Structures are given as C-alpha cells and as structure tokens.
Amino acid sequence: MIKTVFQHAKKHPGLIPQFFFTFLGMTGAALYLIRLAKGPHVTWDKTNNPEPWNKLSPSYQYKFVAINTDYKNLKKEGPDF
C-alpha cells in the first residue's frame, strides 16, 4: 500500500498534498479517539472503579475548550456518594 502511494506520488506530484493532508486527518482522528477513550466518563475496569466520574473534583476541566466556564472557582454542589 505504501509502495503504491510512493509510486503514484512520483508519477503525479500534485497528489503529494492530498496524501499529506489525508495522513494528517487520519492521525488527528486517531489521536482524538485515544483522548476520548482515556476520558473520565469511560469505564474500562468495572471491578476496581465502577464509577470513576464520581471521584472527579468540581474544578476538573473535562471539556476540551471551556469558553465561559472558569473551572478553578467551581464549588461542589451535592452530597458525597
């Protein structure tokens, strides 16, 4: 497969940016999926920690980008479970 990509790139140099951005997009998507799989709302081990989201502090920034929310000043609202 890689050999075919290099052969096409040698014959048609205009395809090089397309190959580059396709590879860049696939890499970015894979890294984002890995980031989502490691998030606090995903449970991989149900025996040791069945509800990992209950152990997060209120100041934990779980969103990738928080525009209007300042997570440093948040206080806990509710009982401990």
Protein backbone atom coordinates (compact mmCIF):
# COMPACT_ATOMS: atom_id res chain seq x y z
CA MET A 1 0.00 0.00 0.00
CA ILE A 2 2.74 2.47 0.93
CA LYS A 3 4.75 1.43 -2.10
CA THR A 4 1.75 2.20 -4.31
CA VAL A 5 1.37 5.65 -2.69
CA PHE A 6 5.02 6.45 -3.39
CA GLN A 7 4.71 5.24 -6.99
CA HIS A 8 1.67 7.44 -7.58
CA ALA A 9 3.40 10.40 -5.90
CA LYS A 10 6.39 10.03 -8.22
CA LYS A 11 4.17 9.87 -11.32
CA HIS A 12 1.76 12.62 -10.21
CA PRO A 13 3.42 15.18 -7.88
CA GLY A 14 0.13 17.02 -7.49
CA LEU A 15 -1.12 14.16 -5.31
CA ILE A 16 1.51 14.78 -2.61
CA PRO A 17 -0.56 17.43 -0.74
CA GLN A 18 -3.60 15.18 -0.87
CA PHE A 19 -1.65 12.26 0.60
CA PHE A 20 -0.18 14.56 3.27
CA PHE A 21 -3.50 16.01 4.41
CA THR A 22 -5.21 12.62 4.30
CA PHE A 23 -2.50 11.21 6.56
CA LEU A 24 -2.73 14.27 8.81
CA GLY A 25 -6.52 13.91 9.13
CA MET A 26 -6.33 10.19 9.89
CA THR A 27 -3.65 10.79 12.53
CA GLY A 28 -5.66 13.58 14.14
CA ALA A 29 -8.80 11.44 14.23
CA ALA A 30 -6.91 8.54 15.81
CA LEU A 31 -5.36 10.79 18.46
CA TYR A 32 -8.76 12.29 19.27
CA LEU A 33 -10.30 8.83 19.67
CA ILE A 34 -7.48 7.87 22.02
CA ARG A 35 -8.13 11.04 24.02
CA LEU A 36 -11.84 10.22 24.25
CA ALA A 37 -11.11 6.65 25.34
CA LYS A 38 -8.99 7.90 28.23
CA GLY A 39 -11.64 10.34 29.49
CA PRO A 40 -13.21 10.22 32.94
CA HIS A 41 -16.60 9.07 31.67
CA VAL A 42 -15.27 5.82 30.15
CA THR A 43 -15.07 2.70 32.33
CA TRP A 44 -12.59 0.05 31.23
CA ASP A 45 -12.22 -1.74 34.59
CA LYS A 46 -15.60 -2.21 36.27
CA THR A 47 -14.31 -4.27 39.20
CA ASN A 48 -11.91 -1.76 40.80
CA ASN A 49 -13.58 1.56 39.96
CA PRO A 50 -17.10 1.13 38.52
CA GLU A 51 -17.95 4.88 38.60
CA PRO A 52 -14.78 6.92 38.01
CA TRP A 53 -16.71 10.12 37.30
CA ASN A 54 -17.75 10.33 40.97
CA LYS A 55 -14.13 10.77 42.07
CA LEU A 56 -13.50 13.89 39.98
CA SER A 57 -13.15 17.19 41.75
CA PRO A 58 -15.54 20.02 40.81
CA SER A 59 -12.63 22.02 39.41
CA TYR A 60 -11.65 19.26 36.91
CA GLN A 61 -11.90 20.62 33.36
CA TYR A 62 -13.48 17.77 31.43
CA LYS A 63 -14.25 19.78 28.31
CA PHE A 64 -11.60 20.31 25.66
CA VAL A 65 -12.37 24.03 25.38
CA ALA A 66 -14.24 25.94 28.08
CA ILE A 67 -15.06 29.46 26.89
CA ASN A 68 -17.43 30.81 29.55
CA THR A 69 -16.72 28.47 32.49
CA ASP A 70 -13.92 29.08 34.97
CA TYR A 71 -13.30 25.64 36.47
CA LYS A 72 -10.91 26.96 39.12
CA ASN A 73 -13.69 28.74 41.05
CA LEU A 74 -16.34 25.99 40.99
CA LYS A 75 -17.53 24.53 44.28
CA LYS A 76 -19.14 21.17 44.89
CA GLU A 77 -22.94 21.19 44.98
CA GLY A 78 -24.30 17.98 46.44
CA PRO A 79 -23.52 15.06 48.73
CA ASP A 80 -20.63 12.62 48.54
CA PHE A 81 -21.54 9.19 47.21
